[in-house]
Amino acid sequence: MCAGVSVLTLGAALLPLGMAYVGKLIIDAVVAKQAMLTLKFIGLETAVMLLQSAVLQGLSLCQLLLGAKLGTDVNIKILEKAVTLELRHFEDSEIYDQLTKARRQASLRPSAMVTDSLQLIQNAVTFFGYVGVLFVLSPGIVLGLVVASIPATISEMKFSQAAFRLRNWRSPDTRKLNYLEVVLATDEHAKEIKVLGLSKLFLNRYRELGTQFYEEDKVLAIKRSKWAFVLSRVSALTFYGCYAWMGYGCAMGLMTLGSLTLYMVAFKQGQQAFQSCLTAIGNMYESNLYMSNLFDYFNIKTSQSEPNHHIHNPSSAVMHTDQKGIRFENVGFRYEGKTQWALRNINLDIPSQKSLALVGHNGAGKSTFIKLLCRLYTPTEGRILLDGIDLQHWDLEALHKRIGVVFQDFNQYQLKLKENVGVGQVEYLDDDAKVELAVQKGGANSVVESLEKGLETPLGRWFNGGLELSGGQWQKIALSRGFMRETADILILDEPTAALDAEAEQAVFERFRELTLGKTSILISHRFPTVRMADTIVVLEGGQIMEQGTHDELIALEGRYAHLFTLQAQGYL
């Protein structure tokens, strides 16, 4: 396609020169009263016009296709980079701004750069062709043609830079505007927005921010328009000055009427071609400013972009160690930009094929503990070992294949029910037998049986035909997704049953206990009847281990765990 675009661009640049010269020949033939020669030249101009029309149409089509392909490719590159970002990057507002800016310009700026580059080449060839014609008449006219167009272009480039700075500066507010739009116009927030009467509040905030953006853009647009009007008059006056000089020369017999026509076309079209060259350069300059956002995003450092020469082959590493299980050695973690420790001084052994329950109030560090174990975060201090090897030395894909996890804030994919479960192990996404087994393990049989299309039912309301589930039904789907991962020998449930009734929750944990026999399991729950099933219970308080032991040992200790257990038990009396 690039070769075709190059040929068509060259044709589109040269054909206007041919049209102008044939026009001169027509005028001179008319003045000489040579009728047949006039018709011949008119036929030639018609052929050139038809060829030019075909070339321009073909060039427009190729540019459209090339731009669309480039936009898609750049979007794919952005998403490929996004999947390498770590959880900490998505929680960093500055990096999230970089992602937002890159995505906002991805489909526009790269293709605009290509289009402007082609237009620059096309207009430059046309311009130099006209310059050659005008130079024969007067070098001074060529100088006037060039100088008259420069001030407007410099002004446009300055305003392009100002527009870029304005939009970059208000990027955080742009994300806020987008967020308000999501809150007001998606099903996820609709119930609470209506019941609490928040529509007016958020709509007013959206209106205020949108109006602020409009006023800023209006001020810049007015200034830009004023300068463009003034400076464009310079170009127009230059044209008519040259027009008067050439017209006077023709009237005095210094050139033929055909030559006057040729020079006028050459000057007018040359001026437009040069202005188009400068405009293309200005647009490329502006696009390059926005492309810098894209390159800044691509240059974000991640663990995958930094070579790690200490990564082991996990399969061979495990074969050469007798150590099994998980060990936390003096692990501490502090979120970026925070002074308070989320976890500190965590020393803990989780033997292979044993179960662990984490207990503590919200904010005690339970979910952070799980994210560190899944290597979504890197410990600020200390290390975590799996089978005697530091998690940081494991191949990340191999590590995640060993872990099956259901998070408290699990995803509700706008996909078929079968796919919602099957993504737990993508290799078996279309294996109905394995999906059905996972559904049974997760207790979602009743959900599937209640739906007319069963596993083929589209879930969510984003797309036509989608069906919304209750919170409890979604949780059963998420649990089934967790049980889908057959390769996992470490199973984690991070408070995944909050929306289930007591009977359904008990059934889930009974199955969980049965299905985790021979596997390492970690459970976070606020409900003590399920917690007491674990081999070891750890009580976290303020990011540190306060107590650990079996249920009976902790009750006998009469400490924090016993107090919480007693409080919850009293609620059932």
Protein backbone atom coordinates (compact mmCIF):
# COMPACT_ATOMS: atom_id res chain seq x y z
CA MET A 1 0.00 0.00 0.00
CA CYS A 2 2.86 2.38 0.80
CA ALA A 3 4.31 2.00 -2.72
CA GLY A 4 0.90 2.73 -4.23
CA VAL A 5 0.49 5.82 -2.05
CA SER A 6 3.93 7.08 -3.10
CA VAL A 7 3.15 6.73 -6.83
CA LEU A 8 -0.27 8.36 -6.46
CA THR A 9 1.21 11.20 -4.38
CA LEU A 10 3.77 11.94 -7.10
CA GLY A 11 1.02 11.86 -9.75
CA ALA A 12 -1.21 14.19 -7.70
CA ALA A 13 1.72 16.61 -7.38
CA LEU A 14 2.70 16.75 -11.06
CA LEU A 15 -0.70 16.69 -12.80
CA PRO A 16 -1.69 20.25 -11.71
CA LEU A 17 1.44 21.54 -13.47
CA GLY A 18 0.33 19.77 -16.64
CA MET A 19 -3.17 21.22 -16.31
CA ALA A 20 -1.76 24.75 -15.98
CA TYR A 21 0.51 24.39 -19.03
CA VAL A 22 -2.26 22.92 -21.20
CA GLY A 23 -4.45 25.85 -20.13
CA LYS A 24 -1.80 28.25 -21.47
CA LEU A 25 -1.76 26.39 -24.79
CA ILE A 26 -5.55 26.63 -25.05
CA ILE A 27 -5.57 30.41 -24.47
CA ASP A 28 -2.77 31.01 -26.96
CA ALA A 29 -4.54 28.82 -29.57
CA VAL A 30 -7.78 30.75 -29.05
CA VAL A 31 -6.00 34.11 -29.42
CA ALA A 32 -4.31 32.82 -32.62
CA LYS A 33 -7.74 31.67 -33.88
CA GLN A 34 -6.54 28.08 -34.45
CA ALA A 35 -9.83 26.20 -33.93
CA MET A 36 -8.65 22.62 -34.46
CA LEU A 37 -5.57 23.12 -32.28
CA THR A 38 -7.82 24.61 -29.59
CA LEU A 39 -10.05 21.53 -29.67
CA LYS A 40 -7.01 19.28 -29.53
CA PHE A 41 -5.67 21.03 -26.45
CA ILE A 42 -9.12 21.01 -24.79
CA GLY A 43 -9.28 17.25 -25.36
CA LEU A 44 -5.82 16.92 -23.83
CA GLU A 45 -6.87 18.98 -20.78
CA THR A 46 -9.98 16.79 -20.42
CA ALA A 47 -7.82 13.65 -20.36
CA VAL A 48 -5.44 15.20 -17.81
CA MET A 49 -8.43 16.29 -15.69
CA LEU A 50 -9.91 12.76 -15.72
CA LEU A 51 -6.54 11.26 -14.83
CA GLN A 52 -6.08 13.78 -12.02
CA SER A 53 -9.55 12.98 -10.66
CA ALA A 54 -8.79 9.24 -10.67
CA VAL A 55 -5.40 9.79 -8.99
CA LEU A 56 -6.88 12.00 -6.26
CA GLN A 57 -9.70 9.52 -5.60
CA GLY A 58 -7.22 6.63 -5.39
CA LEU A 59 -4.91 8.63 -3.13
CA SER A 60 -7.79 9.57 -0.83
CA LEU A 61 -8.84 5.91 -0.56
CA CYS A 62 -5.27 4.73 0.14
CA GLN A 63 -4.76 7.44 2.78
CA LEU A 64 -8.05 6.47 4.44
CA LEU A 65 -7.12 2.78 4.56
CA LEU A 66 -3.56 3.50 5.67
CA GLY A 67 -4.80 5.82 8.43
CA ALA A 68 -7.34 3.29 9.65
CA LYS A 69 -4.74 0.50 9.68
CA LEU A 70 -2.22 2.67 11.49
CA GLY A 71 -4.82 3.78 14.07
CA THR A 72 -5.72 0.15 14.79
CA ASP A 73 -2.06 -0.88 15.03
CA VAL A 74 -1.24 1.95 17.45
CA ASN A 75 -4.26 1.11 19.62
CA ILE A 76 -3.07 -2.50 19.75
CA LYS A 77 0.41 -1.30 20.78
CA ILE A 78 -1.13 0.82 23.54
CA LEU A 79 -3.10 -2.15 24.86
CA GLU A 80 -0.04 -4.41 24.57
CA LYS A 81 1.81 -1.94 26.75
CA ALA A 82 -1.17 -1.73 29.12
CA VAL A 83 -1.07 -5.46 29.84
CA THR A 84 2.58 -5.13 30.90
CA LEU A 85 1.75 -2.41 33.43
CA GLU A 86 1.68 -3.49 37.04
CA LEU A 87 -1.10 -2.85 39.52
CA ARG A 88 0.88 0.04 41.03
CA HIS A 89 0.83 1.80 37.66
CA PHE A 90 -2.96 1.76 37.48
CA GLU A 91 -3.09 3.17 41.00
CA ASP A 92 -0.74 6.05 40.10
CA SER A 93 -2.77 9.05 38.90
CA GLU A 94 0.10 10.51 36.83
CA ILE A 95 0.66 7.27 34.92
CA TYR A 96 -3.09 6.86 34.51
CA ASP A 97 -3.09 10.34 32.96
CA GLN A 98 -0.39 9.21 30.53
CA LEU A 99 -2.50 6.20 29.56
CA THR A 100 -5.58 8.39 29.08
CA LYS A 101 -3.71 10.92 26.91
CA ALA A 102 -2.14 8.17 24.81
CA ARG A 103 -5.49 6.47 24.21
CA ARG A 104 -7.26 9.74 23.42
CA GLN A 105 -4.86 10.61 20.57
CA ALA A 106 -4.00 7.07 19.41
CA SER A 107 -6.42 6.76 16.51
CA LEU A 108 -5.96 10.36 15.35
CA ARG A 109 -2.38 11.61 15.61
CA PRO A 110 -0.32 8.79 14.04
CA SER A 111 -2.55 8.65 10.95
CA ALA A 112 -2.56 12.47 10.84
CA MET A 113 1.25 12.42 10.82
CA VAL A 114 1.24 10.06 7.83
CA THR A 115 -1.40 12.07 5.95
CA ASP A 116 0.37 15.38 6.61
CA SER A 117 3.71 13.90 5.52
CA LEU A 118 2.18 12.75 2.22
CA GLN A 119 0.50 16.12 1.70
CA LEU A 120 3.80 17.87 2.42
CA ILE A 121 5.58 15.81 -0.23
CA GLN A 122 2.75 16.30 -2.74
CA ASN A 123 2.52 20.07 -2.25
CA ALA A 124 6.29 20.50 -2.16
CA VAL A 125 6.66 18.84 -5.58
CA THR A 126 3.79 20.97 -6.96
CA PHE A 127 5.24 24.13 -5.40
CA PHE A 128 8.73 23.66 -6.84
CA GLY A 129 7.19 22.98 -10.24
CA TYR A 130 5.37 26.31 -10.12
CA VAL A 131 8.49 28.02 -8.77
CA GLY A 132 10.34 26.85 -11.87
CA VAL A 133 7.67 28.45 -14.08
CA LEU A 134 7.61 31.74 -12.13
CA PHE A 135 11.40 32.00 -11.87
CA VAL A 136 11.52 32.44 -15.64
CA LEU A 137 9.25 35.48 -15.25
CA SER A 138 10.81 37.07 -12.14
CA PRO A 139 12.80 35.76 -9.13
CA GLY A 140 11.21 38.58 -7.10
CA ILE A 141 7.74 37.07 -7.56
CA VAL A 142 9.03 33.76 -6.19
CA LEU A 143 10.40 35.55 -3.13
CA GLY A 144 7.09 37.32 -2.58
CA LEU A 145 5.19 34.06 -2.90
CA VAL A 146 7.33 32.48 -0.15
CA VAL A 147 7.57 35.40 2.28
CA ALA A 148 3.85 36.19 2.23
CA SER A 149 2.91 32.77 3.59
CA ILE A 150 5.43 32.47 6.44
CA PRO A 151 3.90 34.77 9.14
CA ALA A 152 0.54 32.94 9.16
CA THR A 153 2.28 29.58 9.51
CA ILE A 154 4.48 30.69 12.42
CA SER A 155 1.39 32.07 14.15
CA GLU A 156 -0.49 28.80 13.61
CA MET A 157 2.38 26.76 15.07
CA LYS A 158 2.46 28.95 18.18
CA PHE A 159 -1.26 28.50 18.71
CA SER A 160 -0.93 24.74 18.16
CA GLN A 161 1.63 24.65 20.96
CA ALA A 162 -0.66 26.69 23.20
CA ALA A 163 -3.57 24.31 22.50
CA PHE A 164 -1.36 21.31 23.31
CA ARG A 165 -0.23 22.83 26.61
CA LEU A 166 -3.82 23.67 27.54
CA ARG A 167 -5.11 20.15 26.89
CA ASN A 168 -2.14 18.53 28.61
CA TRP A 169 -2.49 20.77 31.64
CA ARG A 170 -6.13 19.91 32.15
CA SER A 171 -5.74 16.16 31.55
CA PRO A 172 -6.70 15.26 35.16
CA ASP A 173 -9.88 17.35 34.81
CA THR A 174 -10.61 15.59 31.51
CA ARG A 175 -10.53 12.25 33.34
CA LYS A 176 -12.84 13.74 35.97
CA LEU A 177 -15.26 14.82 33.21
CA ASN A 178 -15.17 11.32 31.71
CA TYR A 179 -15.77 9.79 35.15
CA LEU A 180 -18.83 11.98 35.76
CA GLU A 181 -20.18 10.88 32.38
CA VAL A 182 -19.72 7.21 33.34
CA VAL A 183 -21.44 7.76 36.69
CA LEU A 184 -24.42 9.44 35.07
CA ALA A 185 -24.83 7.12 32.09
CA THR A 186 -24.03 3.52 33.09
CA ASP A 187 -26.08 0.81 34.74
CA GLU A 188 -23.39 0.23 37.38
CA HIS A 189 -24.27 3.50 39.14
CA ALA A 190 -27.89 4.04 38.07
CA LYS A 191 -29.66 2.59 41.15
CA GLU A 192 -27.76 4.55 43.76
CA ILE A 193 -27.75 7.76 41.71
CA LYS A 194 -31.55 7.67 41.44
CA VAL A 195 -32.35 6.56 45.00
CA LEU A 196 -29.99 9.11 46.60
CA GLY A 197 -31.02 11.85 44.17
CA LEU A 198 -27.46 12.49 42.99
CA SER A 199 -28.30 13.23 39.36
CA LYS A 200 -28.49 17.00 39.83
CA LEU A 201 -25.26 17.14 41.86
CA PHE A 202 -23.17 15.24 39.33
CA LEU A 203 -24.84 16.84 36.32
CA ASN A 204 -24.05 20.31 37.70
CA ARG A 205 -20.43 19.32 38.25
CA TYR A 206 -20.26 17.99 34.70
CA ARG A 207 -21.84 21.19 33.38
CA GLU A 208 -19.42 23.41 35.36
CA LEU A 209 -16.37 21.51 34.16
CA GLY A 210 -17.64 21.33 30.57
CA THR A 211 -18.34 25.08 30.60
CA GLN A 212 -14.86 25.76 31.96
CA PHE A 213 -13.35 23.75 29.10
CA TYR A 214 -15.53 25.63 26.59
CA GLU A 215 -14.47 29.05 27.91
CA GLU A 216 -10.78 28.09 27.78
CA ASP A 217 -11.14 26.77 24.23
CA LYS A 218 -13.16 29.82 23.17
CA VAL A 219 -10.49 32.29 24.30
CA LEU A 220 -7.80 30.38 22.43
CA ALA A 221 -9.98 29.93 19.31
CA ILE A 222 -10.82 33.66 19.11
CA LYS A 223 -7.16 34.69 19.39
CA ARG A 224 -6.22 32.10 16.79
CA SER A 225 -8.94 33.28 14.41
CA LYS A 226 -7.99 36.97 14.75
CA TRP A 227 -4.35 36.38 13.91
CA ALA A 228 -5.24 34.01 11.07
CA PHE A 229 -7.52 36.70 9.55
CA VAL A 230 -4.91 39.48 9.79
CA LEU A 231 -2.01 37.45 8.47
CA SER A 232 -4.02 35.89 5.65
CA ARG A 233 -4.68 39.42 4.34
CA VAL A 234 -0.92 39.79 3.87
CA SER A 235 -0.95 36.80 1.57
CA ALA A 236 -3.97 38.11 -0.36
CA LEU A 237 -2.46 41.60 -0.87
CA THR A 238 0.77 40.04 -2.12
CA PHE A 239 -1.18 38.02 -4.67
CA TYR A 240 -3.07 41.01 -6.02
CA GLY A 241 0.10 43.10 -6.14
CA CYS A 242 1.74 40.48 -8.37
CA TYR A 243 -1.52 40.16 -10.33
CA ALA A 244 -1.47 43.88 -11.11
CA TRP A 245 2.19 43.76 -12.16
CA MET A 246 1.66 40.77 -14.49
CA GLY A 247 -1.58 42.22 -15.91
CA TYR A 248 0.21 45.49 -16.67
CA GLY A 249 3.00 43.55 -18.40
CA CYS A 250 0.52 41.65 -20.56
CA ALA A 251 -1.28 44.87 -21.51
CA MET A 252 2.06 46.36 -22.55
CA GLY A 253 2.73 43.38 -24.81
CA LEU A 254 5.52 41.91 -22.65
CA MET A 255 3.81 38.49 -22.53
CA THR A 256 1.01 36.62 -24.28
CA LEU A 257 -2.43 36.20 -22.77
CA GLY A 258 -1.69 32.47 -22.44
CA SER A 259 1.53 33.22 -20.57
CA LEU A 260 -0.36 35.61 -18.26
CA THR A 261 -2.86 32.85 -17.57
CA LEU A 262 -0.07 30.36 -16.89
CA TYR A 263 1.78 32.73 -14.56
CA MET A 264 -1.40 33.69 -12.71
CA VAL A 265 -2.31 30.03 -12.20
CA ALA A 266 1.29 29.25 -11.24
CA PHE A 267 1.38 32.09 -8.71
CA LYS A 268 -2.04 31.37 -7.22
CA GLN A 269 -1.62 27.61 -7.12
CA GLY A 270 2.02 27.93 -6.04
CA GLN A 271 0.98 30.18 -3.19
CA GLN A 272 -1.66 27.67 -2.14
CA ALA A 273 0.80 24.79 -2.48
CA PHE A 274 3.39 26.59 -0.35
CA GLN A 275 0.73 27.50 2.22
CA SER A 276 -0.33 23.86 2.23
CA CYS A 277 3.29 22.82 2.81
CA LEU A 278 3.56 25.16 5.77
CA THR A 279 0.16 24.02 7.07
CA ALA A 280 1.28 20.39 6.83
CA ILE A 281 4.47 21.26 8.70
CA GLY A 282 2.40 23.04 11.36
CA ASN A 283 0.04 20.07 11.67
CA MET A 284 2.98 17.68 11.89
CA TYR A 285 4.49 19.87 14.60
CA GLU A 286 1.21 19.80 16.55
CA SER A 287 0.79 16.05 16.04
CA ASN A 288 4.38 15.52 17.16
CA LEU A 289 3.59 17.34 20.40
CA TYR A 290 0.72 14.94 21.05
CA MET A 291 2.80 11.96 19.90
CA SER A 292 5.24 12.80 22.70
CA ASN A 293 2.48 11.71 25.09
CA LEU A 294 2.33 8.39 23.29
CA PHE A 295 6.10 7.89 23.48
CA ASP A 296 6.15 8.88 27.17
CA TYR A 297 3.54 6.20 27.77
CA PHE A 298 5.50 3.56 25.85
CA ASN A 299 8.59 4.48 27.91
CA ILE A 300 6.97 3.72 31.26
CA LYS A 301 9.29 1.33 33.05
CA THR A 302 7.84 -2.01 34.10
CA SER A 303 9.37 -5.17 35.51
CA GLN A 304 8.81 -6.81 32.11
CA SER A 305 10.70 -4.06 30.30
CA GLU A 306 13.67 -4.32 32.65
CA PRO A 307 15.79 -7.43 32.08
CA ASN A 308 16.05 -9.71 35.07
CA HIS A 309 19.02 -11.98 34.77
CA HIS A 310 18.05 -13.96 37.89
CA ILE A 311 14.79 -15.48 36.64
CA HIS A 312 14.75 -19.24 37.08
CA ASN A 313 12.99 -21.78 34.97
CA PRO A 314 10.39 -22.66 37.60
CA SER A 315 9.92 -26.27 36.58
CA SER A 316 13.63 -27.09 36.78
CA ALA A 317 14.04 -24.95 39.90
CA VAL A 318 11.38 -26.88 41.78
CA MET A 319 12.96 -30.18 40.78
CA HIS A 320 16.20 -29.14 42.50
CA THR A 321 14.72 -28.09 45.83
CA ASP A 322 13.25 -30.12 48.65
CA GLN A 323 11.47 -27.09 50.11
CA LYS A 324 7.71 -26.89 49.67
CA GLY A 325 5.13 -24.34 50.68
CA ILE A 326 5.04 -20.57 51.06
CA ARG A 327 7.19 -18.49 53.40
CA PHE A 328 7.01 -14.78 54.25
CA GLU A 329 10.36 -13.55 55.57
CA ASN A 330 10.18 -10.18 57.35
CA VAL A 331 7.88 -8.87 54.63
CA GLY A 332 6.84 -5.24 54.67
CA PHE A 333 4.91 -3.24 52.10
CA ARG A 334 4.19 0.45 51.81
CA TYR A 335 2.12 1.95 49.00
CA GLU A 336 3.95 4.41 46.79
CA GLY A 337 3.77 7.93 48.18
CA LYS A 338 2.53 6.70 51.58
CA THR A 339 4.42 6.86 54.87
CA GLN A 340 2.22 4.32 56.67
CA TRP A 341 3.03 0.62 56.25
CA ALA A 342 0.23 -1.55 54.89
CA LEU A 343 2.10 -4.65 56.11
CA ARG A 344 5.17 -4.87 58.35
CA ASN A 345 7.30 -7.60 59.93
CA ILE A 346 5.30 -10.45 58.41
CA ASN A 347 7.01 -13.76 59.16
CA LEU A 348 4.84 -16.72 58.29
CA ASP A 349 5.09 -20.28 57.00
CA ILE A 350 2.22 -21.79 55.03
CA PRO A 351 3.00 -25.51 54.63
CA SER A 352 2.19 -27.14 51.32
CA GLN A 353 -1.30 -28.69 51.13
CA LYS A 354 -2.42 -26.87 54.30
CA SER A 355 -5.07 -24.17 54.76
CA LEU A 356 -4.68 -20.67 56.15
CA ALA A 357 -7.39 -18.19 57.17
CA LEU A 358 -6.74 -14.44 57.50
CA VAL A 359 -8.84 -12.49 59.98
CA GLY A 360 -8.90 -8.77 60.74
CA HIS A 361 -10.91 -5.62 60.34
CA ASN A 362 -11.06 -3.73 57.04
CA GLY A 363 -7.71 -2.09 56.32
CA ALA A 364 -5.74 -4.57 58.40
CA GLY A 365 -3.75 -5.66 55.32
CA LYS A 366 -5.50 -8.90 54.33
CA SER A 367 -6.04 -8.06 50.65
CA THR A 368 -2.55 -6.56 50.40
CA PHE A 369 -1.20 -9.87 51.72
CA ILE A 370 -2.98 -11.70 48.87
CA LYS A 371 -1.79 -9.22 46.22
CA LEU A 372 1.80 -9.66 47.36
CA LEU A 373 1.43 -13.43 47.18
CA CYS A 374 0.05 -13.11 43.62
CA ARG A 375 3.00 -10.81 42.80
CA LEU A 376 0.69 -7.96 41.89
CA TYR A 377 2.91 -5.92 44.22
CA THR A 378 6.59 -6.28 45.09
CA PRO A 379 7.45 -6.23 48.83
CA THR A 380 9.05 -2.99 49.98
CA GLU A 381 11.22 -5.06 52.27
CA GLY A 382 11.75 -8.76 52.94
CA ARG A 383 10.84 -11.52 50.53
CA ILE A 384 8.23 -14.19 49.80
CA LEU A 385 9.37 -17.69 48.90
CA LEU A 386 7.44 -20.33 47.00
CA ASP A 387 9.00 -23.78 47.25
CA GLY A 388 12.18 -22.12 48.48
CA ILE A 389 12.47 -19.65 45.58
CA ASP A 390 11.86 -15.90 45.81
CA LEU A 391 8.66 -14.95 43.98
CA GLN A 392 10.60 -12.25 42.12
CA HIS A 393 12.70 -14.99 40.49
CA TRP A 394 9.72 -16.91 39.18
CA ASP A 395 8.49 -16.61 35.64
CA LEU A 396 5.30 -14.59 36.15
CA GLU A 397 3.13 -16.66 33.81
CA ALA A 398 4.26 -19.92 35.42
CA LEU A 399 3.61 -18.48 38.88
CA HIS A 400 0.09 -17.38 38.03
CA LYS A 401 -0.73 -20.81 36.58
CA ARG A 402 -0.13 -22.22 40.05
CA ILE A 403 -2.56 -19.78 41.69
CA GLY A 404 -6.34 -19.82 41.53
CA VAL A 405 -7.87 -16.75 43.14
CA VAL A 406 -11.30 -15.20 43.55
CA PHE A 407 -11.00 -11.57 44.61
CA GLN A 408 -13.54 -9.70 46.68
CA ASP A 409 -13.99 -7.19 43.84
CA PHE A 410 -14.20 -9.85 41.13
CA ASN A 411 -14.97 -8.87 37.54
CA GLN A 412 -18.37 -9.20 35.91
CA TYR A 413 -17.49 -9.78 32.27
CA GLN A 414 -19.98 -8.72 29.62
CA LEU A 415 -19.62 -12.14 27.98
CA LYS A 416 -21.54 -15.41 27.80
CA LEU A 417 -21.93 -17.32 31.06
CA LYS A 418 -19.71 -20.08 29.67
CA GLU A 419 -17.00 -17.54 28.88
CA ASN A 420 -17.34 -15.88 32.30
CA VAL A 421 -16.40 -19.22 33.86
CA GLY A 422 -14.03 -20.42 31.13
CA VAL A 423 -11.68 -17.43 31.36
CA GLY A 424 -10.51 -18.97 34.64
CA GLN A 425 -8.35 -21.20 32.40
CA VAL A 426 -8.31 -19.76 28.90
CA GLU A 427 -7.00 -22.96 27.30
CA TYR A 428 -10.32 -24.65 28.18
CA LEU A 429 -12.57 -21.71 27.33
CA ASP A 430 -14.58 -23.77 24.82
CA ASP A 431 -14.44 -27.06 26.73
CA ASP A 432 -18.04 -27.42 27.90
CA ALA A 433 -17.28 -30.46 30.07
CA LYS A 434 -14.63 -28.62 32.08
CA VAL A 435 -16.80 -25.50 32.32
CA GLU A 436 -19.75 -27.55 33.60
CA LEU A 437 -17.51 -29.22 36.21
CA ALA A 438 -16.28 -25.80 37.39
CA VAL A 439 -19.89 -24.57 37.55
CA GLN A 440 -20.74 -27.53 39.76
CA LYS A 441 -17.75 -26.89 42.03
CA GLY A 442 -18.64 -23.22 42.35
CA GLY A 443 -22.27 -23.94 43.16
CA ALA A 444 -23.60 -22.12 40.07
CA ASN A 445 -25.71 -25.06 38.83
CA SER A 446 -28.90 -23.38 39.93
CA VAL A 447 -27.95 -20.21 38.05
CA VAL A 448 -27.33 -22.10 34.80
CA GLU A 449 -30.51 -24.16 35.16
CA SER A 450 -32.63 -21.04 35.71
CA LEU A 451 -31.54 -19.50 32.40
CA GLU A 452 -33.23 -20.42 29.14
CA LYS A 453 -29.97 -20.46 27.18
CA GLY A 454 -27.94 -22.00 29.99
CA LEU A 455 -24.20 -21.62 29.49
CA GLU A 456 -24.78 -19.68 26.26
CA THR A 457 -26.60 -16.85 28.05
CA PRO A 458 -24.96 -13.43 27.50
CA LEU A 459 -24.44 -11.70 30.85
CA GLY A 460 -24.62 -7.99 31.61
CA ARG A 461 -26.62 -5.26 29.90
CA TRP A 462 -23.95 -3.59 27.79
CA PHE A 463 -24.93 -5.53 24.66
CA ASN A 464 -28.21 -6.62 23.10
CA GLY A 465 -29.73 -9.73 24.65
CA GLY A 466 -27.59 -9.55 27.79
CA LEU A 467 -29.09 -10.64 31.11
CA GLU A 468 -28.19 -9.04 34.44
CA LEU A 469 -27.67 -11.34 37.43
CA SER A 470 -28.08 -10.70 41.13
CA GLY A 471 -24.99 -10.10 43.29
CA GLY A 472 -25.18 -13.62 44.72
CA GLN A 473 -25.46 -15.17 41.25
CA TRP A 474 -22.46 -13.20 40.03
CA GLN A 475 -20.48 -14.43 43.03
CA LYS A 476 -21.27 -18.05 42.19
CA ILE A 477 -20.05 -17.42 38.64
CA ALA A 478 -16.84 -15.88 40.02
CA LEU A 479 -16.32 -18.85 42.35
CA SER A 480 -16.80 -21.23 39.44
CA ARG A 481 -14.20 -19.24 37.50
CA GLY A 482 -11.75 -19.77 40.36
CA PHE A 483 -12.39 -23.53 40.36
CA MET A 484 -11.82 -23.61 36.59
CA ARG A 485 -8.04 -23.40 37.01
CA GLU A 486 -6.96 -27.03 37.14
CA THR A 487 -3.25 -26.20 37.09
CA ALA A 488 -3.50 -24.30 40.38
CA ASP A 489 -2.19 -25.93 43.54
CA ILE A 490 -2.68 -22.73 45.54
CA LEU A 491 -6.33 -21.63 45.90
CA ILE A 492 -7.27 -18.26 47.36
CA LEU A 493 -10.70 -16.93 48.33
CA ASP A 494 -10.61 -13.22 49.21
CA GLU A 495 -13.99 -12.60 50.90
CA PRO A 496 -15.85 -13.89 47.84
CA THR A 497 -19.13 -14.88 49.49
CA ALA A 498 -20.40 -11.61 50.96
CA ALA A 499 -23.52 -11.61 48.77
CA LEU A 500 -24.43 -15.24 49.52
CA ASP A 501 -26.89 -16.29 52.19
CA ALA A 502 -25.55 -18.32 55.13
CA GLU A 503 -26.68 -21.66 53.70
CA ALA A 504 -25.16 -21.02 50.28
CA GLU A 505 -21.93 -19.76 51.85
CA GLN A 506 -21.64 -22.84 54.04
CA ALA A 507 -22.14 -25.04 50.99
CA VAL A 508 -19.42 -23.13 49.12
CA PHE A 509 -16.90 -23.55 51.88
CA GLU A 510 -17.75 -27.21 52.37
CA ARG A 511 -17.00 -27.71 48.68
CA PHE A 512 -13.94 -25.52 48.98
CA ARG A 513 -12.60 -27.69 51.79
CA GLU A 514 -13.23 -30.84 49.76
CA LEU A 515 -11.73 -29.45 46.57
CA THR A 516 -8.61 -28.10 48.27
CA LEU A 517 -7.58 -31.44 49.73
CA GLY A 518 -4.00 -31.95 48.60
CA LYS A 519 -3.68 -28.23 47.76
CA THR A 520 -2.58 -25.11 49.61
CA SER A 521 -5.54 -22.83 50.37
CA ILE A 522 -5.85 -19.32 51.76
CA LEU A 523 -9.16 -17.88 52.91
CA ILE A 524 -10.21 -14.38 53.92
CA SER A 525 -13.59 -14.13 55.59
CA HIS A 526 -15.36 -12.21 58.33
CA ARG A 527 -17.56 -15.21 59.14
CA PHE A 528 -16.00 -17.37 61.82
CA PRO A 529 -17.92 -20.60 61.17
CA THR A 530 -15.96 -20.81 57.90
CA VAL A 531 -12.68 -19.48 59.29
CA ARG A 532 -12.51 -22.15 61.97
CA MET A 533 -12.13 -24.84 59.28
CA ALA A 534 -8.57 -23.66 58.48
CA ASP A 535 -5.47 -25.46 59.76
CA THR A 536 -3.97 -22.11 60.79
CA ILE A 537 -5.67 -18.80 61.52
CA VAL A 538 -3.73 -15.53 61.39
CA VAL A 539 -5.12 -12.36 62.97
CA LEU A 540 -3.84 -9.16 61.29
CA GLU A 541 -4.00 -5.85 63.09
CA GLY A 542 -2.50 -2.62 61.75
CA GLY A 543 -0.63 -4.55 59.07
CA GLN A 544 1.10 -6.88 61.54
CA ILE A 545 0.46 -10.38 62.81
CA MET A 546 -1.19 -10.12 66.22
CA GLU A 547 -2.07 -13.79 66.75
CA GLN A 548 -1.81 -17.10 64.93
CA GLY A 549 -2.81 -20.66 65.65
CA THR A 550 -5.74 -23.06 65.33
CA HIS A 551 -9.26 -22.07 66.25
CA ASP A 552 -9.08 -23.87 69.59
CA GLU A 553 -5.66 -22.41 70.40
CA LEU A 554 -6.82 -18.86 69.70
CA ILE A 555 -10.00 -19.29 71.70
CA ALA A 556 -7.92 -20.58 74.61
CA LEU A 557 -5.59 -17.58 74.22
CA GLU A 558 -8.60 -15.29 74.95
CA GLY A 559 -7.12 -12.57 72.79
CA ARG A 560 -8.34 -10.57 69.80
CA TYR A 561 -9.62 -13.58 67.86
CA ALA A 562 -11.58 -14.92 70.85
CA HIS A 563 -13.11 -11.48 71.37
CA LEU A 564 -14.21 -11.17 67.74
CA PHE A 565 -15.54 -14.72 67.71
CA THR A 566 -17.58 -14.10 70.87
CA LEU A 567 -19.02 -10.85 69.48
CA GLN A 568 -20.15 -12.57 66.30
CA ALA A 569 -21.56 -15.56 68.18
CA GLN A 570 -23.66 -13.24 70.35
CA GLY A 571 -25.32 -11.92 67.20
CA TYR A 572 -26.87 -15.34 66.63
CA LEU A 573 -28.25 -15.67 70.18
